[in-house]
Amino acid sequence: MIQHLPKLAFILALLLVGFIPDSGSKTDTHWTLTADRDYLPALLEDLRSAKKSVTVTMYLIQMEDPERHSLLKGLLDELIACQKRGVAVSVLAEATIPRDEEPAIRSSGALHYLAKGGVAVFTDSPTTITHSKVVVIDEAIVHLGSSNWTYSAFMKNHECNLRIRDPELARQLLDA
């Protein structure tokens, strides 16, 4: 029989490998679980308060059918609003997914939409798979976890994400 691990198993695994400093750490780390439907509102709130920079590395950003992509469009509009108010915004998306369609094609509508809005958009090398789902805001706040930017991730899937306030972690992710 297959046992399903609770959502917090992801957090415990991160703690065990030392990814998140323990409470005795001298860093100013604070983290919050943003699982399932909590991810998008938490991310939007942080984007609305961004002052300097937003760096997105996302495996898949997919505007699916028009009736269901309003959640994603709202997120993309917020990135464009950040850019327009002087926040440096960049998005790196996966160029190839081993399926019938390349993510550059599956993500192309969203990526073109962002580029038209003035956001710097990049795809990785076709020989590298960027499977990360990370957003770094103002070199201090990190949203990290399992959520792609799709309707399914926002509304259907069980996803596990963390919102972490840790400038050192943010710098490490930006340098990676």
C-alpha atoms as a PDB file:
ATOM      1  CA  MET A   1       0.000   0.000   0.000  1.00  0.00           C
ATOM      2  CA  ILE A   2       1.297   3.460  -0.889  1.00  0.00           C
ATOM      3  CA  GLN A   3       1.365   5.905   1.981  1.00  0.00           C
ATOM      4  CA  HIS A   4       0.915   9.596   1.173  1.00  0.00           C
ATOM      5  CA  LEU A   5       3.173  11.949   3.053  1.00  0.00           C
ATOM      6  CA  PRO A   6       1.642  15.053   4.601  1.00  0.00           C
ATOM      7  CA  LYS A   7       2.360  18.441   3.039  1.00  0.00           C
ATOM      8  CA  LEU A   8       4.748  19.274   5.821  1.00  0.00           C
ATOM      9  CA  ALA A   9       7.028  16.401   4.797  1.00  0.00           C
ATOM     10  CA  PHE A  10       8.505  18.749   2.194  1.00  0.00           C
ATOM     11  CA  ILE A  11       9.373  21.296   4.863  1.00  0.00           C
ATOM     12  CA  LEU A  12      10.814  18.648   7.150  1.00  0.00           C
ATOM     13  CA  ALA A  13      12.991  17.357   4.330  1.00  0.00           C
ATOM     14  CA  LEU A  14      14.319  20.870   3.742  1.00  0.00           C
ATOM     15  CA  LEU A  15      15.061  21.285   7.440  1.00  0.00           C
ATOM     16  CA  LEU A  16      16.870  17.941   7.565  1.00  0.00           C
ATOM     17  CA  VAL A  17      19.250  18.907   4.778  1.00  0.00           C
ATOM     18  CA  GLY A  18      19.904  22.279   6.384  1.00  0.00           C
ATOM     19  CA  PHE A  19      18.275  24.354   3.662  1.00  0.00           C
ATOM     20  CA  ILE A  20      16.316  26.484   6.106  1.00  0.00           C
ATOM     21  CA  PRO A  21      18.252  27.635   9.160  1.00  0.00           C
ATOM     22  CA  ASP A  22      16.917  26.350  12.455  1.00  0.00           C
ATOM     23  CA  SER A  23      15.534  28.682  15.109  1.00  0.00           C
ATOM     24  CA  GLY A  24      19.026  28.974  16.662  1.00  0.00           C
ATOM     25  CA  SER A  25      20.412  30.499  13.472  1.00  0.00           C
ATOM     26  CA  LYS A  26      21.696  34.069  13.549  1.00  0.00           C
ATOM     27  CA  THR A  27      19.998  34.898  10.249  1.00  0.00           C
ATOM     28  CA  ASP A  28      16.784  36.825   9.929  1.00  0.00           C
ATOM     29  CA  THR A  29      14.979  33.938   8.257  1.00  0.00           C
ATOM     30  CA  HIS A  30      11.220  33.646   8.372  1.00  0.00           C
ATOM     31  CA  TRP A  31       9.230  31.146   6.324  1.00  0.00           C
ATOM     32  CA  THR A  32       5.565  30.464   5.648  1.00  0.00           C
ATOM     33  CA  LEU A  33       3.967  27.478   3.979  1.00  0.00           C
ATOM     34  CA  THR A  34       1.961  28.619   0.928  1.00  0.00           C
ATOM     35  CA  ALA A  35       0.429  25.352  -0.192  1.00  0.00           C
ATOM     36  CA  ASP A  36      -2.345  24.827  -2.706  1.00  0.00           C
ATOM     37  CA  ARG A  37      -4.562  27.943  -3.037  1.00  0.00           C
ATOM     38  CA  ASP A  38      -2.376  30.065  -0.694  1.00  0.00           C
ATOM     39  CA  TYR A  39       0.525  30.384  -3.157  1.00  0.00           C
ATOM     40  CA  LEU A  40      -0.870  32.842  -5.704  1.00  0.00           C
ATOM     41  CA  PRO A  41      -2.314  35.390  -3.215  1.00  0.00           C
ATOM     42  CA  ALA A  42       0.947  35.391  -1.210  1.00  0.00           C
ATOM     43  CA  LEU A  43       3.024  35.861  -4.358  1.00  0.00           C
ATOM     44  CA  LEU A  44       0.780  38.670  -5.647  1.00  0.00           C
ATOM     45  CA  GLU A  45       0.998  40.472  -2.306  1.00  0.00           C
ATOM     46  CA  ASP A  46       4.798  40.374  -2.398  1.00  0.00           C
ATOM     47  CA  LEU A  47       4.910  41.504  -6.035  1.00  0.00           C
ATOM     48  CA  ARG A  48       2.700  44.482  -5.225  1.00  0.00           C
ATOM     49  CA  SER A  49       5.204  45.613  -2.601  1.00  0.00           C
ATOM     50  CA  ALA A  50       8.346  44.949  -4.687  1.00  0.00           C
ATOM     51  CA  LYS A  51      10.695  47.947  -4.784  1.00  0.00           C
ATOM     52  CA  LYS A  52      13.894  46.913  -6.622  1.00  0.00           C
ATOM     53  CA  SER A  53      13.773  43.596  -8.431  1.00  0.00           C
ATOM     54  CA  VAL A  54      11.802  40.489  -9.293  1.00  0.00           C
ATOM     55  CA  THR A  55      13.598  37.471 -10.743  1.00  0.00           C
ATOM     56  CA  VAL A  56      11.468  34.535 -11.885  1.00  0.00           C
ATOM     57  CA  THR A  57      12.771  31.116 -12.888  1.00  0.00           C
ATOM     58  CA  MET A  58       9.822  28.970 -13.926  1.00  0.00           C
ATOM     59  CA  TYR A  59       9.596  25.608 -15.641  1.00  0.00           C
ATOM     60  CA  LEU A  60       6.210  26.278 -17.235  1.00  0.00           C
ATOM     61  CA  ILE A  61       4.109  29.431 -17.627  1.00  0.00           C
ATOM     62  CA  GLN A  62       1.031  28.376 -19.530  1.00  0.00           C
ATOM     63  CA  MET A  63      -1.990  30.371 -20.591  1.00  0.00           C
ATOM     64  CA  GLU A  64      -4.370  27.556 -21.305  1.00  0.00           C
ATOM     65  CA  ASP A  65      -7.881  28.141 -22.521  1.00  0.00           C
ATOM     66  CA  PRO A  66      -8.986  31.801 -22.339  1.00  0.00           C
ATOM     67  CA  GLU A  67     -11.718  31.214 -19.763  1.00  0.00           C
ATOM     68  CA  ARG A  68      -9.224  29.697 -17.332  1.00  0.00           C
ATOM     69  CA  HIS A  69      -6.162  31.882 -17.813  1.00  0.00           C
ATOM     70  CA  SER A  70      -7.453  34.971 -15.987  1.00  0.00           C
ATOM     71  CA  LEU A  71      -5.534  33.931 -12.843  1.00  0.00           C
ATOM     72  CA  LEU A  72      -2.289  33.720 -14.781  1.00  0.00           C
ATOM     73  CA  LYS A  73      -3.043  36.924 -16.693  1.00  0.00           C
ATOM     74  CA  GLY A  74      -3.496  38.706 -13.361  1.00  0.00           C
ATOM     75  CA  LEU A  75      -0.084  37.454 -12.248  1.00  0.00           C
ATOM     76  CA  LEU A  76       1.546  38.473 -15.536  1.00  0.00           C
ATOM     77  CA  ASP A  77      -0.148  41.888 -15.325  1.00  0.00           C
ATOM     78  CA  GLU A  78       1.338  42.323 -11.866  1.00  0.00           C
ATOM     79  CA  LEU A  79       4.836  41.593 -13.215  1.00  0.00           C
ATOM     80  CA  ILE A  80       4.268  44.154 -15.965  1.00  0.00           C
ATOM     81  CA  ALA A  81       3.020  46.671 -13.367  1.00  0.00           C
ATOM     82  CA  CYS A  82       6.219  46.088 -11.369  1.00  0.00           C
ATOM     83  CA  GLN A  83       8.295  46.786 -14.480  1.00  0.00           C
ATOM     84  CA  LYS A  84       6.316  49.946 -15.254  1.00  0.00           C
ATOM     85  CA  ARG A  85       6.880  51.343 -11.765  1.00  0.00           C
ATOM     86  CA  GLY A  86      10.644  50.883 -12.113  1.00  0.00           C
ATOM     87  CA  VAL A  87      11.193  47.430 -10.599  1.00  0.00           C
ATOM     88  CA  ALA A  88      13.690  45.381 -12.643  1.00  0.00           C
ATOM     89  CA  VAL A  89      11.774  42.259 -13.695  1.00  0.00           C
ATOM     90  CA  SER A  90      13.271  39.264 -15.481  1.00  0.00           C
ATOM     91  CA  VAL A  91      11.743  35.891 -16.303  1.00  0.00           C
ATOM     92  CA  LEU A  92      13.631  32.745 -17.273  1.00  0.00           C
ATOM     93  CA  ALA A  93      11.456  29.901 -18.570  1.00  0.00           C
ATOM     94  CA  GLU A  94      12.264  26.382 -19.716  1.00  0.00           C
ATOM     95  CA  ALA A  95      12.933  26.025 -23.446  1.00  0.00           C
ATOM     96  CA  THR A  96      12.247  22.289 -23.812  1.00  0.00           C
ATOM     97  CA  ILE A  97      10.062  19.776 -22.017  1.00  0.00           C
ATOM     98  CA  PRO A  98      10.310  16.132 -23.015  1.00  0.00           C
ATOM     99  CA  ARG A  99       6.723  15.950 -24.267  1.00  0.00           C
ATOM    100  CA  ASP A 100       4.903  16.580 -27.517  1.00  0.00           C
ATOM    101  CA  GLU A 101       5.327  20.339 -27.284  1.00  0.00           C
ATOM    102  CA  GLU A 102       8.265  22.412 -26.159  1.00  0.00           C
ATOM    103  CA  PRO A 103       7.497  24.694 -23.193  1.00  0.00           C
ATOM    104  CA  ALA A 104       8.763  27.622 -25.191  1.00  0.00           C
ATOM    105  CA  ILE A 105       5.720  26.891 -27.367  1.00  0.00           C
ATOM    106  CA  ARG A 106       3.471  25.972 -24.415  1.00  0.00           C
ATOM    107  CA  SER A 107       4.670  29.077 -22.537  1.00  0.00           C
ATOM    108  CA  SER A 108       4.997  31.297 -25.613  1.00  0.00           C
ATOM    109  CA  GLY A 109       1.717  33.170 -25.200  1.00  0.00           C
ATOM    110  CA  ALA A 110       2.604  34.156 -21.656  1.00  0.00           C
ATOM    111  CA  LEU A 111       6.214  34.972 -22.539  1.00  0.00           C
ATOM    112  CA  HIS A 112       5.192  37.143 -25.492  1.00  0.00           C
ATOM    113  CA  TYR A 113       2.636  38.893 -23.301  1.00  0.00           C
ATOM    114  CA  LEU A 114       5.335  39.701 -20.729  1.00  0.00           C
ATOM    115  CA  ALA A 115       7.828  40.837 -23.377  1.00  0.00           C
ATOM    116  CA  LYS A 116       5.224  43.159 -24.930  1.00  0.00           C
ATOM    117  CA  GLY A 117       4.752  44.618 -21.454  1.00  0.00           C
ATOM    118  CA  GLY A 118       8.452  45.433 -21.175  1.00  0.00           C
ATOM    119  CA  VAL A 119       9.575  42.500 -19.038  1.00  0.00           C
ATOM    120  CA  ALA A 120      12.959  40.935 -19.850  1.00  0.00           C
ATOM    121  CA  VAL A 121      12.155  37.360 -20.920  1.00  0.00           C
ATOM    122  CA  PHE A 122      14.647  34.552 -21.500  1.00  0.00           C
ATOM    123  CA  THR A 123      14.539  30.829 -22.166  1.00  0.00           C
ATOM    124  CA  ASP A 124      17.320  28.499 -21.150  1.00  0.00           C
ATOM    125  CA  SER A 125      19.549  26.511 -23.479  1.00  0.00           C
ATOM    126  CA  PRO A 126      17.844  23.617 -25.299  1.00  0.00           C
ATOM    127  CA  THR A 127      20.504  21.332 -23.798  1.00  0.00           C
ATOM    128  CA  THR A 128      19.610  22.285 -20.220  1.00  0.00           C
ATOM    129  CA  ILE A 129      16.348  21.636 -18.392  1.00  0.00           C
ATOM    130  CA  THR A 130      15.467  24.315 -15.883  1.00  0.00           C
ATOM    131  CA  HIS A 131      12.920  22.625 -13.666  1.00  0.00           C
ATOM    132  CA  SER A 132      13.026  25.298 -10.947  1.00  0.00           C
ATOM    133  CA  LYS A 133       9.999  27.177  -9.723  1.00  0.00           C
ATOM    134  CA  VAL A 134      11.540  30.138  -7.909  1.00  0.00           C
ATOM    135  CA  VAL A 135      10.696  33.816  -7.526  1.00  0.00           C
ATOM    136  CA  VAL A 136      13.134  36.175  -5.775  1.00  0.00           C
ATOM    137  CA  ILE A 137      11.794  39.595  -4.807  1.00  0.00           C
ATOM    138  CA  ASP A 138      13.986  42.523  -3.730  1.00  0.00           C
ATOM    139  CA  GLU A 139      16.880  40.135  -3.065  1.00  0.00           C
ATOM    140  CA  ALA A 140      15.188  39.192   0.211  1.00  0.00           C
ATOM    141  CA  ILE A 141      11.953  37.243  -0.335  1.00  0.00           C
ATOM    142  CA  VAL A 142      11.917  33.841  -2.012  1.00  0.00           C
ATOM    143  CA  HIS A 143       8.906  31.882  -3.224  1.00  0.00           C
ATOM    144  CA  LEU A 144      10.113  28.334  -3.819  1.00  0.00           C
ATOM    145  CA  GLY A 145       8.271  25.082  -4.380  1.00  0.00           C
ATOM    146  CA  SER A 146       6.405  22.832  -6.747  1.00  0.00           C
ATOM    147  CA  SER A 147       4.003  25.251  -8.472  1.00  0.00           C
ATOM    148  CA  ASN A 148       4.357  25.952 -12.154  1.00  0.00           C
ATOM    149  CA  TRP A 149       2.386  28.939 -13.351  1.00  0.00           C
ATOM    150  CA  THR A 150      -0.613  27.111 -14.787  1.00  0.00           C
ATOM    151  CA  TYR A 151      -4.313  26.911 -14.089  1.00  0.00           C
ATOM    152  CA  SER A 152      -3.842  23.388 -12.772  1.00  0.00           C
ATOM    153  CA  ALA A 153      -1.166  24.472 -10.299  1.00  0.00           C
ATOM    154  CA  PHE A 154      -3.231  27.433  -9.098  1.00  0.00           C
ATOM    155  CA  MET A 155      -6.639  25.724  -8.907  1.00  0.00           C
ATOM    156  CA  LYS A 156      -6.432  21.912  -9.033  1.00  0.00           C
ATOM    157  CA  ASN A 157      -3.152  20.402  -7.934  1.00  0.00           C
ATOM    158  CA  HIS A 158      -1.874  19.816  -4.440  1.00  0.00           C
ATOM    159  CA  GLU A 159       1.217  22.019  -4.454  1.00  0.00           C
ATOM    160  CA  CYS A 160       3.748  22.710  -1.737  1.00  0.00           C
ATOM    161  CA  ASN A 161       5.534  26.049  -1.696  1.00  0.00           C
ATOM    162  CA  LEU A 162       7.394  28.154   0.813  1.00  0.00           C
ATOM    163  CA  ARG A 163       7.609  31.916   1.161  1.00  0.00           C
ATOM    164  CA  ILE A 164      10.994  32.559   2.747  1.00  0.00           C
ATOM    165  CA  ARG A 165      12.332  35.904   3.916  1.00  0.00           C
ATOM    166  CA  ASP A 166      16.091  35.377   3.880  1.00  0.00           C
ATOM    167  CA  PRO A 167      18.451  37.754   2.038  1.00  0.00           C
ATOM    168  CA  GLU A 168      21.317  35.229   2.143  1.00  0.00           C
ATOM    169  CA  LEU A 169      19.216  32.500   0.528  1.00  0.00           C
ATOM    170  CA  ALA A 170      17.955  35.019  -2.041  1.00  0.00           C
ATOM    171  CA  ARG A 171      21.541  35.962  -2.935  1.00  0.00           C
ATOM    172  CA  GLN A 172      22.538  32.311  -3.254  1.00  0.00           C
ATOM    173  CA  LEU A 173      19.629  31.598  -5.580  1.00  0.00           C
ATOM    174  CA  LEU A 174      20.385  34.665  -7.696  1.00  0.00           C
ATOM    175  CA  ASP A 175      24.034  33.607  -7.969  1.00  0.00           C
ATOM    176  CA  ALA A 176      23.205  29.978  -8.847  1.00  0.00           C
END
